[in-house]
Amino acid sequence: MQRVAALTACAGALAYTISKVGLARDGELGMPGFPAPPEAYASVGDVAAAQLGNAALGLLMALVALLLVRPPVGRWVRGCVLLVSWAGILMVGSGVIGFGARAAGLAPDLGAPPPDAGTAVAALAVGALWVAGWAVAAVGATGRRSAQEDAE
């Protein structure tokens, strides 16, 4: 279960990374299915660089999720991986909730509902699976204790 959950989280982070590279290539802000409003472009100097930065963050999140396949043995290293994981889970989970509210028309301040419902639903589904997998993997890693720690 731990391995499947961590690999699911890693796949979600890689899907995010790929989507950001595609948006960088196209010079677009936002998320797949959720284009940014035109006024958002005024505050971003280099759209491609911004999206490639987001893609790099996605790669980092994929690596952290991958570390949960077999959580590190050292207490401090595992603690750092878990801290970063829970921060990522909260960030991505907040994004899924926010974009879900936008898609449902419940949060007009976050932008107009997406023009392509199919792409938006797919992006939300990937995000939800990513968060769920990452949370299950993090909980599993939290409960594990190494034989070395048991000996202490």
N, C-alpha and C. Protein backbone atom coordinates (compact mmCIF):
# COMPACT_ATOMS: atom_id res chain seq x y z
N MET A 1 0.83 -1.20 0.00
CA MET A 1 0.00 0.00 0.00
C MET A 1 0.87 1.26 0.00
N GLN A 2 1.92 1.26 0.83
CA GLN A 2 2.83 2.39 0.92
C GLN A 2 3.44 2.69 -0.44
N ARG A 3 3.92 1.65 -1.10
CA ARG A 3 4.58 1.83 -2.40
C ARG A 3 3.60 2.38 -3.44
N VAL A 4 2.41 1.82 -3.51
CA VAL A 4 1.42 2.26 -4.50
C VAL A 4 1.03 3.71 -4.25
N ALA A 5 0.82 4.07 -3.00
CA ALA A 5 0.44 5.44 -2.66
C ALA A 5 1.56 6.42 -3.02
N ALA A 6 2.80 6.08 -2.69
CA ALA A 6 3.92 6.97 -3.00
C ALA A 6 4.12 7.10 -4.51
N LEU A 7 3.98 6.00 -5.23
CA LEU A 7 4.12 6.06 -6.69
C LEU A 7 2.98 6.85 -7.34
N THR A 8 1.78 6.76 -6.76
CA THR A 8 0.66 7.56 -7.24
C THR A 8 0.95 9.04 -7.04
N ALA A 9 1.48 9.39 -5.88
CA ALA A 9 1.84 10.79 -5.60
C ALA A 9 2.94 11.25 -6.56
N CYS A 10 3.91 10.41 -6.79
CA CYS A 10 4.99 10.75 -7.72
C CYS A 10 4.44 10.97 -9.12
N ALA A 11 3.53 10.10 -9.56
CA ALA A 11 2.92 10.25 -10.89
C ALA A 11 2.12 11.55 -10.99
N GLY A 12 1.41 11.91 -9.92
CA GLY A 12 0.67 13.17 -9.91
C GLY A 12 1.59 14.36 -10.04
N ALA A 13 2.72 14.33 -9.34
CA ALA A 13 3.68 15.42 -9.42
C ALA A 13 4.30 15.49 -10.82
N LEU A 14 4.56 14.34 -11.42
CA LEU A 14 5.11 14.33 -12.78
C LEU A 14 4.09 14.84 -13.79
N ALA A 15 2.82 14.51 -13.60
CA ALA A 15 1.77 15.03 -14.49
C ALA A 15 1.72 16.56 -14.39
N TYR A 16 1.81 17.06 -13.17
CA TYR A 16 1.85 18.52 -12.96
C TYR A 16 3.06 19.12 -13.69
N THR A 17 4.21 18.49 -13.53
CA THR A 17 5.44 18.98 -14.16
C THR A 17 5.29 19.04 -15.67
N ILE A 18 4.78 17.98 -16.25
CA ILE A 18 4.59 17.93 -17.71
C ILE A 18 3.62 19.01 -18.16
N SER A 19 2.54 19.20 -17.39
CA SER A 19 1.56 20.22 -17.78
C SER A 19 2.18 21.61 -17.74
N LYS A 20 3.04 21.86 -16.76
CA LYS A 20 3.69 23.17 -16.64
C LYS A 20 4.69 23.40 -17.77
N VAL A 21 5.39 22.36 -18.18
CA VAL A 21 6.30 22.49 -19.32
C VAL A 21 5.50 22.82 -20.58
N GLY A 22 4.37 22.16 -20.76
CA GLY A 22 3.50 22.46 -21.91
C GLY A 22 2.99 23.88 -21.89
N LEU A 23 2.57 24.36 -20.72
CA LEU A 23 2.11 25.73 -20.62
C LEU A 23 3.24 26.72 -20.86
N ALA A 24 4.45 26.39 -20.39
CA ALA A 24 5.61 27.25 -20.65
C ALA A 24 5.88 27.31 -22.15
N ARG A 25 5.83 26.18 -22.81
CA ARG A 25 6.05 26.14 -24.26
C ARG A 25 5.05 27.01 -25.00
N ASP A 26 3.80 26.99 -24.53
CA ASP A 26 2.73 27.75 -25.18
C ASP A 26 2.64 29.20 -24.69
N GLY A 27 3.45 29.56 -23.68
CA GLY A 27 3.42 30.92 -23.14
C GLY A 27 2.14 31.24 -22.41
N GLU A 28 1.58 30.25 -21.69
CA GLU A 28 0.31 30.43 -20.99
C GLU A 28 0.49 30.31 -19.49
N LEU A 29 -0.29 31.10 -18.76
CA LEU A 29 -0.37 30.99 -17.31
C LEU A 29 -1.59 30.16 -16.95
N GLY A 30 -1.65 29.71 -15.72
CA GLY A 30 -2.80 28.96 -15.25
C GLY A 30 -2.47 27.49 -15.11
N MET A 31 -3.52 26.70 -15.15
CA MET A 31 -3.43 25.24 -15.07
C MET A 31 -4.20 24.66 -16.25
N PRO A 32 -3.93 23.42 -16.62
CA PRO A 32 -4.72 22.83 -17.71
C PRO A 32 -6.22 22.90 -17.38
N GLY A 33 -6.97 23.45 -18.30
CA GLY A 33 -8.41 23.61 -18.10
C GLY A 33 -8.78 24.89 -17.36
N PHE A 34 -7.81 25.55 -16.77
CA PHE A 34 -8.05 26.75 -15.98
C PHE A 34 -7.12 27.87 -16.44
N PRO A 35 -7.43 28.50 -17.56
CA PRO A 35 -6.55 29.58 -18.03
C PRO A 35 -6.59 30.77 -17.06
N ALA A 36 -5.45 31.42 -16.95
CA ALA A 36 -5.36 32.61 -16.10
C ALA A 36 -6.05 33.76 -16.81
N PRO A 37 -6.63 34.70 -16.06
CA PRO A 37 -7.24 35.87 -16.70
C PRO A 37 -6.17 36.73 -17.37
N PRO A 38 -6.55 37.46 -18.40
CA PRO A 38 -5.57 38.28 -19.14
C PRO A 38 -4.79 39.23 -18.26
N GLU A 39 -5.40 39.79 -17.23
CA GLU A 39 -4.70 40.74 -16.37
C GLU A 39 -3.56 40.08 -15.58
N ALA A 40 -3.58 38.76 -15.43
CA ALA A 40 -2.51 38.06 -14.71
C ALA A 40 -1.18 38.15 -15.45
N TYR A 41 -1.24 38.28 -16.76
CA TYR A 41 -0.01 38.33 -17.56
C TYR A 41 0.78 39.62 -17.30
N ALA A 42 0.11 40.68 -16.86
CA ALA A 42 0.79 41.95 -16.61
C ALA A 42 1.75 41.85 -15.42
N SER A 43 1.46 40.94 -14.48
CA SER A 43 2.29 40.83 -13.28
C SER A 43 3.42 39.80 -13.42
N VAL A 44 3.48 39.13 -14.57
CA VAL A 44 4.51 38.11 -14.77
C VAL A 44 5.40 38.56 -15.92
N GLY A 45 6.66 38.77 -15.62
CA GLY A 45 7.59 39.25 -16.65
C GLY A 45 7.85 38.22 -17.74
N ASP A 46 8.18 37.01 -17.34
CA ASP A 46 8.53 35.96 -18.29
C ASP A 46 7.67 34.74 -17.98
N VAL A 47 6.62 34.56 -18.76
CA VAL A 47 5.66 33.47 -18.53
C VAL A 47 6.35 32.12 -18.60
N ALA A 48 7.18 31.92 -19.60
CA ALA A 48 7.85 30.62 -19.76
C ALA A 48 8.73 30.32 -18.55
N ALA A 49 9.49 31.30 -18.10
CA ALA A 49 10.37 31.08 -16.93
C ALA A 49 9.54 30.78 -15.68
N ALA A 50 8.43 31.48 -15.52
CA ALA A 50 7.58 31.23 -14.35
C ALA A 50 7.03 29.81 -14.38
N GLN A 51 6.56 29.38 -15.53
CA GLN A 51 6.00 28.03 -15.63
C GLN A 51 7.09 26.97 -15.51
N LEU A 52 8.27 27.24 -16.03
CA LEU A 52 9.37 26.29 -15.87
C LEU A 52 9.81 26.21 -14.41
N GLY A 53 9.71 27.31 -13.68
CA GLY A 53 9.96 27.28 -12.24
C GLY A 53 8.95 26.40 -11.53
N ASN A 54 7.68 26.50 -11.95
CA ASN A 54 6.65 25.63 -11.38
C ASN A 54 6.93 24.17 -11.73
N ALA A 55 7.41 23.93 -12.95
CA ALA A 55 7.76 22.56 -13.36
C ALA A 55 8.89 22.01 -12.50
N ALA A 56 9.87 22.85 -12.17
CA ALA A 56 10.97 22.41 -11.30
C ALA A 56 10.45 22.06 -9.91
N LEU A 57 9.50 22.85 -9.42
CA LEU A 57 8.87 22.54 -8.13
C LEU A 57 8.15 21.19 -8.22
N GLY A 58 7.50 20.94 -9.35
CA GLY A 58 6.84 19.65 -9.55
C GLY A 58 7.82 18.49 -9.49
N LEU A 59 9.00 18.67 -10.09
CA LEU A 59 10.02 17.62 -10.03
C LEU A 59 10.49 17.39 -8.60
N LEU A 60 10.63 18.46 -7.85
CA LEU A 60 11.02 18.32 -6.44
C LEU A 60 9.95 17.54 -5.67
N MET A 61 8.68 17.87 -5.92
CA MET A 61 7.60 17.15 -5.24
C MET A 61 7.58 15.68 -5.64
N ALA A 62 7.88 15.38 -6.91
CA ALA A 62 7.95 13.99 -7.36
C ALA A 62 9.06 13.25 -6.62
N LEU A 63 10.20 13.90 -6.47
CA LEU A 63 11.32 13.29 -5.75
C LEU A 63 10.96 13.02 -4.29
N VAL A 64 10.34 13.98 -3.64
CA VAL A 64 9.95 13.80 -2.24
C VAL A 64 8.95 12.65 -2.12
N ALA A 65 7.98 12.60 -3.02
CA ALA A 65 7.01 11.49 -2.99
C ALA A 65 7.71 10.16 -3.23
N LEU A 66 8.69 10.15 -4.11
CA LEU A 66 9.43 8.92 -4.40
C LEU A 66 10.21 8.45 -3.17
N LEU A 67 10.68 9.38 -2.37
CA LEU A 67 11.38 9.00 -1.14
C LEU A 67 10.47 8.26 -0.16
N LEU A 68 9.16 8.40 -0.33
CA LEU A 68 8.22 7.72 0.55
C LEU A 68 7.94 6.28 0.13
N VAL A 69 8.46 5.87 -1.03
CA VAL A 69 8.31 4.46 -1.43
C VAL A 69 8.96 3.58 -0.37
N ARG A 70 10.16 3.96 0.01
CA ARG A 70 10.87 3.32 1.12
C ARG A 70 11.40 4.45 1.98
N PRO A 71 10.64 4.87 2.98
CA PRO A 71 11.03 6.04 3.77
C PRO A 71 12.44 5.91 4.32
N PRO A 72 13.17 7.01 4.34
CA PRO A 72 14.54 6.99 4.87
C PRO A 72 14.57 6.45 6.30
N VAL A 73 15.66 5.78 6.64
CA VAL A 73 15.79 5.18 7.96
C VAL A 73 16.09 6.22 9.03
N GLY A 74 16.96 7.16 8.70
CA GLY A 74 17.35 8.15 9.70
C GLY A 74 16.18 9.00 10.15
N ARG A 75 16.08 9.19 11.44
CA ARG A 75 14.96 9.93 12.02
C ARG A 75 14.88 11.34 11.47
N TRP A 76 16.03 12.04 11.37
CA TRP A 76 16.02 13.43 10.92
C TRP A 76 15.69 13.53 9.43
N VAL A 77 16.26 12.65 8.64
CA VAL A 77 15.98 12.69 7.20
C VAL A 77 14.52 12.36 6.95
N ARG A 78 14.01 11.32 7.60
CA ARG A 78 12.61 10.97 7.44
C ARG A 78 11.71 12.11 7.91
N GLY A 79 12.10 12.76 9.01
CA GLY A 79 11.32 13.89 9.52
C GLY A 79 11.27 15.03 8.51
N CYS A 80 12.39 15.31 7.87
CA CYS A 80 12.42 16.37 6.84
C CYS A 80 11.55 16.00 5.64
N VAL A 81 11.65 14.74 5.20
CA VAL A 81 10.82 14.28 4.07
C VAL A 81 9.35 14.40 4.42
N LEU A 82 9.00 14.03 5.64
CA LEU A 82 7.59 14.12 6.05
C LEU A 82 7.13 15.57 6.19
N LEU A 83 7.99 16.43 6.70
CA LEU A 83 7.63 17.85 6.83
C LEU A 83 7.36 18.45 5.44
N VAL A 84 8.26 18.19 4.51
CA VAL A 84 8.08 18.70 3.14
C VAL A 84 6.84 18.06 2.51
N SER A 85 6.62 16.78 2.78
CA SER A 85 5.45 16.10 2.22
C SER A 85 4.16 16.74 2.71
N TRP A 86 4.05 16.96 4.03
CA TRP A 86 2.82 17.55 4.55
C TRP A 86 2.61 18.98 4.06
N ALA A 87 3.70 19.73 3.90
CA ALA A 87 3.56 21.07 3.33
C ALA A 87 3.06 20.98 1.89
N GLY A 88 3.60 20.04 1.13
CA GLY A 88 3.16 19.84 -0.26
C GLY A 88 1.71 19.38 -0.33
N ILE A 89 1.35 18.47 0.55
CA ILE A 89 -0.04 17.98 0.58
C ILE A 89 -1.00 19.14 0.84
N LEU A 90 -0.65 20.01 1.78
CA LEU A 90 -1.50 21.17 2.08
C LEU A 90 -1.57 22.13 0.89
N MET A 91 -0.43 22.37 0.24
CA MET A 91 -0.42 23.28 -0.93
C MET A 91 -1.26 22.72 -2.08
N VAL A 92 -0.98 21.48 -2.44
CA VAL A 92 -1.68 20.89 -3.58
C VAL A 92 -3.15 20.70 -3.24
N GLY A 93 -3.43 20.26 -2.02
CA GLY A 93 -4.83 20.09 -1.61
C GLY A 93 -5.60 21.40 -1.64
N SER A 94 -4.96 22.48 -1.20
CA SER A 94 -5.61 23.80 -1.26
C SER A 94 -5.88 24.20 -2.70
N GLY A 95 -4.94 23.89 -3.58
CA GLY A 95 -5.13 24.19 -5.00
C GLY A 95 -6.29 23.42 -5.60
N VAL A 96 -6.39 22.15 -5.26
CA VAL A 96 -7.50 21.33 -5.77
C VAL A 96 -8.83 21.87 -5.27
N ILE A 97 -8.89 22.23 -4.00
CA ILE A 97 -10.12 22.78 -3.44
C ILE A 97 -10.46 24.11 -4.12
N GLY A 98 -9.47 24.98 -4.25
CA GLY A 98 -9.71 26.28 -4.88
C GLY A 98 -10.15 26.15 -6.33
N PHE A 99 -9.44 25.33 -7.11
CA PHE A 99 -9.81 25.16 -8.51
C PHE A 99 -11.15 24.43 -8.63
N GLY A 100 -11.44 23.53 -7.69
CA GLY A 100 -12.75 22.88 -7.69
C GLY A 100 -13.87 23.87 -7.43
N ALA A 101 -13.64 24.78 -6.48
CA ALA A 101 -14.63 25.83 -6.18
C ALA A 101 -14.80 26.75 -7.39
N ARG A 102 -13.70 27.06 -8.06
CA ARG A 102 -13.78 27.89 -9.26
C ARG A 102 -14.58 27.17 -10.35
N ALA A 103 -14.30 25.90 -10.55
CA ALA A 103 -15.00 25.12 -11.58
C ALA A 103 -16.49 25.05 -11.31
N ALA A 104 -16.86 24.96 -10.03
CA ALA A 104 -18.27 24.86 -9.66
C ALA A 104 -18.95 26.22 -9.62
N GLY A 105 -18.18 27.30 -9.83
CA GLY A 105 -18.76 28.63 -9.79
C GLY A 105 -18.99 29.14 -8.38
N LEU A 106 -18.39 28.48 -7.39
CA LEU A 106 -18.59 28.86 -5.99
C LEU A 106 -17.62 29.94 -5.53
N ALA A 107 -16.59 30.20 -6.32
CA ALA A 107 -15.57 31.18 -5.93
C ALA A 107 -15.25 32.09 -7.11
N PRO A 108 -16.17 33.00 -7.45
CA PRO A 108 -15.94 33.85 -8.61
C PRO A 108 -14.69 34.73 -8.49
N ASP A 109 -14.25 35.01 -7.28
CA ASP A 109 -13.03 35.81 -7.10
C ASP A 109 -11.78 35.06 -7.59
N LEU A 110 -11.86 33.74 -7.70
CA LEU A 110 -10.73 32.94 -8.17
C LEU A 110 -10.67 32.86 -9.70
N GLY A 111 -11.67 33.38 -10.36
CA GLY A 111 -11.70 33.36 -11.82
C GLY A 111 -12.98 32.75 -12.34
N ALA A 112 -13.17 32.90 -13.62
CA ALA A 112 -14.36 32.36 -14.27
C ALA A 112 -14.30 30.84 -14.30
N PRO A 113 -15.46 30.20 -14.34
CA PRO A 113 -15.45 28.74 -14.51
C PRO A 113 -14.68 28.37 -15.78
N PRO A 114 -14.07 27.21 -15.79
CA PRO A 114 -13.23 26.82 -16.93
C PRO A 114 -14.04 26.68 -18.22
N PRO A 115 -13.44 27.10 -19.34
CA PRO A 115 -14.13 26.99 -20.62
C PRO A 115 -14.21 25.55 -21.13
N ASP A 116 -13.27 24.71 -20.73
CA ASP A 116 -13.24 23.31 -21.17
C ASP A 116 -13.45 22.43 -19.95
N ALA A 117 -14.69 22.03 -19.71
CA ALA A 117 -15.01 21.26 -18.50
C ALA A 117 -14.27 19.93 -18.46
N GLY A 118 -14.09 19.28 -19.59
CA GLY A 118 -13.42 17.97 -19.60
C GLY A 118 -11.98 18.06 -19.11
N THR A 119 -11.24 19.02 -19.63
CA THR A 119 -9.85 19.20 -19.20
C THR A 119 -9.79 19.60 -17.74
N ALA A 120 -10.71 20.45 -17.31
CA ALA A 120 -10.73 20.89 -15.92
C ALA A 120 -11.02 19.73 -14.97
N VAL A 121 -11.99 18.90 -15.32
CA VAL A 121 -12.32 17.75 -14.48
C VAL A 121 -11.13 16.78 -14.43
N ALA A 122 -10.47 16.56 -15.56
CA ALA A 122 -9.30 15.67 -15.58
C ALA A 122 -8.20 16.23 -14.68
N ALA A 123 -7.94 17.54 -14.76
CA ALA A 123 -6.90 18.16 -13.93
C ALA A 123 -7.25 18.03 -12.44
N LEU A 124 -8.52 18.24 -12.11
CA LEU A 124 -8.94 18.11 -10.72
C LEU A 124 -8.83 16.67 -10.24
N ALA A 125 -9.15 15.71 -11.09
CA ALA A 125 -9.05 14.29 -10.73
C ALA A 125 -7.59 13.91 -10.47
N VAL A 126 -6.71 14.35 -11.35
CA VAL A 126 -5.27 14.07 -11.15
C VAL A 126 -4.81 14.69 -9.84
N GLY A 127 -5.21 15.94 -9.58
CA GLY A 127 -4.82 16.61 -8.34
C GLY A 127 -5.34 15.88 -7.11
N ALA A 128 -6.58 15.44 -7.16
CA ALA A 128 -7.17 14.74 -6.01
C ALA A 128 -6.46 13.41 -5.77
N LEU A 129 -6.15 12.67 -6.84
CA LEU A 129 -5.42 11.41 -6.67
C LEU A 129 -4.02 11.65 -6.14
N TRP A 130 -3.39 12.71 -6.64
CA TRP A 130 -2.05 13.07 -6.18
C TRP A 130 -2.06 13.33 -4.68
N VAL A 131 -2.99 14.15 -4.22
CA VAL A 131 -3.07 14.49 -2.79
C VAL A 131 -3.40 13.26 -1.96
N ALA A 132 -4.34 12.46 -2.42
CA ALA A 132 -4.73 11.26 -1.66
C ALA A 132 -3.55 10.29 -1.56
N GLY A 133 -2.88 10.05 -2.68
CA GLY A 133 -1.73 9.15 -2.65
C GLY A 133 -0.64 9.65 -1.74
N TRP A 134 -0.35 10.94 -1.85
CA TRP A 134 0.72 11.53 -1.03
C TRP A 134 0.36 11.46 0.46
N ALA A 135 -0.90 11.73 0.79
CA ALA A 135 -1.32 11.68 2.19
C ALA A 135 -1.22 10.26 2.75
N VAL A 136 -1.67 9.28 1.98
CA VAL A 136 -1.58 7.88 2.44
C VAL A 136 -0.12 7.48 2.62
N ALA A 137 0.73 7.86 1.68
CA ALA A 137 2.16 7.53 1.78
C ALA A 137 2.79 8.22 2.99
N ALA A 138 2.43 9.47 3.23
CA ALA A 138 2.99 10.20 4.37
C ALA A 138 2.53 9.61 5.69
N VAL A 139 1.26 9.24 5.77
CA VAL A 139 0.76 8.61 7.00
C VAL A 139 1.48 7.29 7.22
N GLY A 140 1.65 6.51 6.16
CA GLY A 140 2.36 5.23 6.28
C GLY A 140 3.79 5.42 6.73
N ALA A 141 4.45 6.45 6.20
CA ALA A 141 5.84 6.71 6.59
C ALA A 141 5.92 7.25 8.01
N THR A 142 4.90 7.95 8.45
CA THR A 142 4.88 8.49 9.81
C THR A 142 4.80 7.35 10.82
N GLY A 143 4.03 6.35 10.50
CA GLY A 143 3.83 5.24 11.43
C GLY A 143 4.97 4.25 11.47
N ARG A 144 5.86 4.31 10.49
CA ARG A 144 6.98 3.36 10.45
C ARG A 144 8.09 3.79 11.38
N ARG A 145 8.64 2.82 12.02
CA ARG A 145 9.83 3.05 12.84
C ARG A 145 10.88 2.08 12.37
N SER A 146 12.07 2.54 12.35
CA SER A 146 13.16 1.66 11.91
C SER A 146 13.59 0.76 13.07
N ALA A 147 14.23 -0.34 12.74
CA ALA A 147 14.77 -1.24 13.76
C ALA A 147 15.81 -0.51 14.60
N GLN A 148 16.53 0.41 13.96
CA GLN A 148 17.54 1.20 14.65
C GLN A 148 16.88 2.07 15.73
N GLU A 149 15.75 2.69 15.41
CA GLU A 149 15.05 3.52 16.39
C GLU A 149 14.48 2.66 17.52
N ASP A 150 13.99 1.46 17.16
CA ASP A 150 13.46 0.57 18.20
C ASP A 150 14.54 0.16 19.19
N ALA A 151 15.78 0.07 18.71
CA ALA A 151 16.88 -0.34 19.57
C ALA A 151 17.30 0.78 20.52
N GLU A 152 17.00 2.03 20.15
CA GLU A 152 17.42 3.17 20.99
C GLU A 152 16.64 3.28 22.25
